[in-house]
């Protein structure tokens, strides 16, 4: 009688972690930067329909890297969690910390109990009401671990190289336009190509806005930041202005 196949729990966890990391490493990178008026998020994402950066609630944004369908399910669950909590209690009771803890529990349970872990990392960010307040950035890993980030965060395939670049070049209180340029430079530091506005998804939690702080930067705004003229009318993609 053949012996049953046995894998130690330690080896199983190592295999799951390696599987998840390989899946995440194949994804395009994403960075978040604290700036003068809020928190900037920049992702390499040429798709105009599938977003890696989204609004969760009034002062809270979500970003994900890895398998799109998996972090999109997490985003939807986060929106429902925030709406229910805000409706049941008060809008001020919806916090990035509570959402990050919920994501941590969900990803931790999937990693421990599921046959296949989620190949994702997510970032939950919340902008403070004023410049003297403390912004919050929580980086939730595939196994449910949480990292409390300060000043900047990076996720995706080249995250370590991007963090080293930002450590050397980031400074506190930078204006939005400078933060955009720095974020894009950090994404190109390990690549042999130049990213244009069509390759990027850029959004900001702007504390100067009323109630809903989230807004996306248009291609026109990105061209203006880099001092590039608008393309001729015939060269513009359909559906843009």
Protein backbone atom coordinates (compact mmCIF):
# COMPACT_ATOMS: atom_id res chain seq x y z
CA UNK A 1 0.00 0.00 0.00
CA UNK A 2 1.58 3.31 -1.07
CA UNK A 3 2.17 5.92 1.62
CA UNK A 4 -0.02 9.04 1.41
CA UNK A 5 1.61 12.10 -0.09
CA UNK A 6 2.71 14.48 2.68
CA UNK A 7 3.86 18.09 2.58
CA UNK A 8 4.82 19.83 5.79
CA UNK A 9 2.82 22.97 6.70
CA UNK A 10 6.03 25.01 6.59
CA UNK A 11 6.82 23.87 3.04
CA UNK A 12 3.23 24.45 1.95
CA UNK A 13 3.35 28.06 3.20
CA UNK A 14 6.68 28.62 1.43
CA UNK A 15 5.27 27.27 -1.83
CA UNK A 16 2.18 29.46 -1.56
CA UNK A 17 4.26 32.55 -0.82
CA UNK A 18 6.57 31.89 -3.78
CA UNK A 19 3.58 31.32 -6.07
CA UNK A 20 1.95 34.60 -4.99
CA UNK A 21 5.18 36.62 -5.28
CA UNK A 22 5.85 35.33 -8.80
CA UNK A 23 2.35 36.33 -9.90
CA UNK A 24 2.70 39.82 -8.40
CA UNK A 25 6.17 40.29 -9.92
CA UNK A 26 4.70 39.86 -13.40
CA UNK A 27 2.43 42.87 -12.86
CA UNK A 28 3.22 46.48 -13.65
CA UNK A 29 4.32 48.65 -10.76
CA UNK A 30 2.48 51.35 -8.82
CA UNK A 31 3.63 54.12 -6.49
CA UNK A 32 1.98 56.42 -3.95
CA UNK A 33 3.53 59.68 -2.76
CA UNK A 34 2.52 62.13 -0.07
CA UNK A 35 2.54 65.63 -1.53
CA UNK A 36 1.71 69.15 -0.39
CA UNK A 37 -2.04 68.92 -0.93
CA UNK A 38 -2.69 65.21 -0.41
CA UNK A 39 -1.64 61.80 -1.68
CA UNK A 40 -0.71 61.02 -5.29
CA UNK A 41 -1.07 57.57 -6.87
CA UNK A 42 0.65 56.69 -10.14
CA UNK A 43 0.39 53.34 -11.93
CA UNK A 44 1.64 52.00 -15.22
CA UNK A 45 -1.66 51.04 -16.85
CA UNK A 46 -2.29 51.56 -20.57
CA UNK A 47 -5.92 50.40 -20.27
CA UNK A 48 -8.56 53.14 -20.19
CA UNK A 49 -11.26 50.73 -18.99
CA UNK A 50 -9.61 48.64 -16.26
CA UNK A 51 -8.52 50.74 -13.30
CA UNK A 52 -5.82 49.86 -10.78
CA UNK A 53 -6.58 52.99 -8.73
CA UNK A 54 -10.09 53.74 -7.46
CA UNK A 55 -12.07 55.70 -4.92
CA UNK A 56 -13.38 53.79 -1.91
CA UNK A 57 -14.95 56.57 0.15
CA UNK A 58 -14.79 60.32 0.75
CA UNK A 59 -11.13 60.53 1.83
CA UNK A 60 -10.01 56.98 0.98
CA UNK A 61 -8.56 55.44 -2.17
CA UNK A 62 -7.63 51.89 -3.16
CA UNK A 63 -4.86 50.63 -5.42
CA UNK A 64 -4.01 47.08 -6.44
CA UNK A 65 -1.36 45.17 -8.36
CA UNK A 66 -1.35 41.56 -9.52
CA UNK A 67 -4.31 39.67 -10.95
CA UNK A 68 -6.96 42.18 -11.92
CA UNK A 69 -10.03 40.04 -11.17
CA UNK A 70 -8.74 39.28 -7.67
CA UNK A 71 -7.98 42.82 -6.56
CA UNK A 72 -11.16 44.07 -8.27
CA UNK A 73 -13.17 41.69 -6.06
CA UNK A 74 -11.35 43.13 -3.04
CA UNK A 75 -12.11 46.69 -4.18
CA UNK A 76 -15.83 45.95 -4.55
CA UNK A 77 -15.91 44.32 -1.11
CA UNK A 78 -14.19 47.40 0.32
CA UNK A 79 -16.73 49.77 -1.23
CA UNK A 80 -19.60 47.72 0.22
CA UNK A 81 -17.91 47.60 3.64
CA UNK A 82 -17.40 51.37 3.64
CA UNK A 83 -20.94 52.15 2.46
CA UNK A 84 -22.49 49.88 5.08
CA UNK A 85 -20.38 51.28 7.91
CA UNK A 86 -20.98 54.88 6.85
CA UNK A 87 -24.73 54.30 6.55
CA UNK A 88 -25.01 52.39 9.86
CA UNK A 89 -22.89 54.76 11.92
CA UNK A 90 -21.33 57.94 10.55
CA UNK A 91 -19.21 58.84 7.52
CA UNK A 92 -16.33 59.74 9.84
CA UNK A 93 -16.32 56.14 11.13
CA UNK A 94 -15.13 54.85 7.74
CA UNK A 95 -11.34 54.75 8.00
CA UNK A 96 -8.46 53.38 5.97
CA UNK A 97 -7.22 51.48 9.02
CA UNK A 98 -10.50 49.57 9.38
CA UNK A 99 -10.53 48.75 5.65
CA UNK A 100 -6.90 47.60 5.75
CA UNK A 101 -7.67 45.33 8.70
CA UNK A 102 -10.61 43.84 6.79
CA UNK A 103 -8.42 43.21 3.74
CA UNK A 104 -5.75 41.71 5.99
CA UNK A 105 -8.18 39.23 7.48
CA UNK A 106 -9.60 38.26 4.09
CA UNK A 107 -6.21 37.77 2.42
CA UNK A 108 -4.80 35.99 5.47
CA UNK A 109 -7.68 33.51 5.51
CA UNK A 110 -7.36 32.86 1.78
CA UNK A 111 -3.60 32.37 2.07
CA UNK A 112 -3.88 29.99 5.03
CA UNK A 113 -6.96 27.99 4.13
CA UNK A 114 -7.30 28.24 0.37
CA UNK A 115 -5.70 25.96 -2.18
CA UNK A 116 -4.40 28.97 -4.14
CA UNK A 117 -3.45 32.34 -2.59
CA UNK A 118 -4.48 35.63 -4.17
CA UNK A 119 -1.73 36.99 -6.41
CA UNK A 120 -2.29 40.57 -5.29
CA UNK A 121 -1.03 43.38 -3.09
CA UNK A 122 -3.30 46.28 -2.21
CA UNK A 123 -2.78 49.78 -0.89
CA UNK A 124 -5.38 51.68 1.14
CA UNK A 125 -4.70 55.39 1.60
CA UNK A 126 -6.53 58.12 3.49
CA UNK A 127 -5.77 61.84 3.25
CA UNK A 128 -5.80 64.03 6.36
CA UNK A 129 -8.21 66.96 6.58
CA UNK A 130 -5.41 69.53 6.84
CA UNK A 131 -1.71 69.80 6.08
CA UNK A 132 -0.80 69.31 9.76
CA UNK A 133 -2.74 66.04 9.98
CA UNK A 134 -1.30 62.57 9.37
CA UNK A 135 -2.02 60.85 6.09
CA UNK A 136 -2.42 57.08 6.29
CA UNK A 137 -1.05 54.49 3.86
CA UNK A 138 -1.51 50.78 4.50
CA UNK A 139 0.18 48.23 2.25
CA UNK A 140 -1.55 44.84 2.54
CA UNK A 141 0.40 41.85 1.21
CA UNK A 142 -0.84 38.60 -0.33
CA UNK A 143 -0.61 36.75 3.02
CA UNK A 144 -2.52 39.38 5.00
CA UNK A 145 0.54 41.16 6.42
CA UNK A 146 0.14 44.94 6.80
CA UNK A 147 2.87 47.54 6.40
CA UNK A 148 2.23 51.08 7.60
CA UNK A 149 3.95 53.24 4.99
CA UNK A 150 5.21 56.80 5.40
CA UNK A 151 5.92 59.39 2.68
CA UNK A 152 5.80 56.88 -0.18
CA UNK A 153 4.91 53.31 -1.07
CA UNK A 154 5.63 51.02 -4.04
CA UNK A 155 4.07 47.75 -5.19
CA UNK A 156 4.43 45.41 -8.13
CA UNK A 157 7.21 43.86 -10.14
CA UNK A 158 10.04 46.36 -9.49
CA UNK A 159 8.96 47.61 -6.06
CA UNK A 160 12.36 47.25 -4.35
CA UNK A 161 14.20 49.26 -7.01
CA UNK A 162 11.49 51.92 -6.94
CA UNK A 163 11.71 52.24 -3.14
CA UNK A 164 15.48 52.73 -3.36
CA UNK A 165 15.01 55.44 -5.99
CA UNK A 166 12.36 57.24 -3.93
CA UNK A 167 14.48 57.04 -0.78
CA UNK A 168 17.16 59.03 -2.60
CA UNK A 169 14.93 61.55 -4.39
CA UNK A 170 11.77 62.06 -2.32
CA UNK A 171 11.35 65.09 -0.07
CA UNK A 172 8.45 66.01 2.15
CA UNK A 173 5.97 68.71 1.12
CA UNK A 174 6.60 68.51 -2.63
CA UNK A 175 3.97 70.15 -4.88
CA UNK A 176 1.63 67.98 -6.90
CA UNK A 177 3.30 68.61 -10.28
CA UNK A 178 6.73 67.72 -8.90
CA UNK A 179 5.27 64.62 -7.24
CA UNK A 180 3.80 63.50 -10.58
CA UNK A 181 7.15 63.88 -12.31
CA UNK A 182 8.93 62.02 -9.51
CA UNK A 183 6.35 59.22 -9.51
CA UNK A 184 6.69 58.69 -13.24
CA UNK A 185 10.49 58.81 -13.06
CA UNK A 186 10.42 56.14 -10.35
CA UNK A 187 8.34 53.85 -12.57
CA UNK A 188 10.79 54.21 -15.47
CA UNK A 189 13.96 53.76 -13.41
CA UNK A 190 14.14 50.01 -14.15
CA UNK A 191 12.83 50.18 -17.72
CA UNK A 192 14.32 50.95 -21.10
CA UNK A 193 11.31 52.85 -22.34
CA UNK A 194 9.68 56.21 -21.77
CA UNK A 195 6.17 56.26 -20.32
CA UNK A 196 3.72 58.74 -21.80
CA UNK A 197 0.36 59.88 -20.45
CA UNK A 198 -1.32 57.09 -22.44
CA UNK A 199 0.65 54.47 -20.47
CA UNK A 200 -0.31 55.85 -17.07
CA UNK A 201 -3.15 56.01 -14.59
CA UNK A 202 -2.77 58.94 -12.20
CA UNK A 203 -5.09 60.03 -9.40
CA UNK A 204 -4.85 62.18 -6.29
CA UNK A 205 -6.62 62.50 -2.96
CA UNK A 206 -6.79 66.29 -2.89
CA UNK A 207 -7.58 67.64 0.58
CA UNK A 208 -8.64 70.99 -0.92
CA UNK A 209 -11.71 69.43 -2.52
CA UNK A 210 -15.07 69.37 -0.75
CA UNK A 211 -16.04 66.04 0.85
CA UNK A 212 -15.02 63.68 -1.98
CA UNK A 213 -11.25 64.12 -2.25
CA UNK A 214 -10.54 61.66 -5.08
CA UNK A 215 -9.98 62.81 -8.63
CA UNK A 216 -8.18 61.46 -11.67
CA UNK A 217 -5.66 63.51 -13.62
CA UNK A 218 -6.49 63.76 -17.30
CA UNK A 219 -4.02 63.29 -20.14
CA UNK A 220 -4.21 67.04 -20.73
CA UNK A 221 -3.15 67.78 -17.15
CA UNK A 222 -0.24 65.34 -17.45
CA UNK A 223 0.90 66.95 -20.71
CA UNK A 224 0.73 70.37 -19.06
CA UNK A 225 2.84 69.16 -16.12
CA UNK A 226 5.53 67.96 -18.52
CA UNK A 227 5.21 71.01 -20.75
CA UNK A 228 4.14 69.02 -23.79
CA UNK A 229 1.67 70.51 -26.30
CA UNK A 230 -1.66 68.86 -26.99
CA UNK A 231 -1.56 66.48 -29.99
CA UNK A 232 -3.05 67.67 -33.29
CA UNK A 233 -6.78 67.12 -33.59
CA UNK A 234 -6.38 64.21 -36.01
CA UNK A 235 -3.91 62.41 -33.74
CA UNK A 236 -6.13 62.33 -30.67
CA UNK A 237 -7.68 58.99 -29.69
CA UNK A 238 -11.45 58.73 -30.06
CA UNK A 239 -13.40 59.73 -26.98
CA UNK A 240 -10.81 62.23 -25.71
CA UNK A 241 -10.70 65.98 -25.86
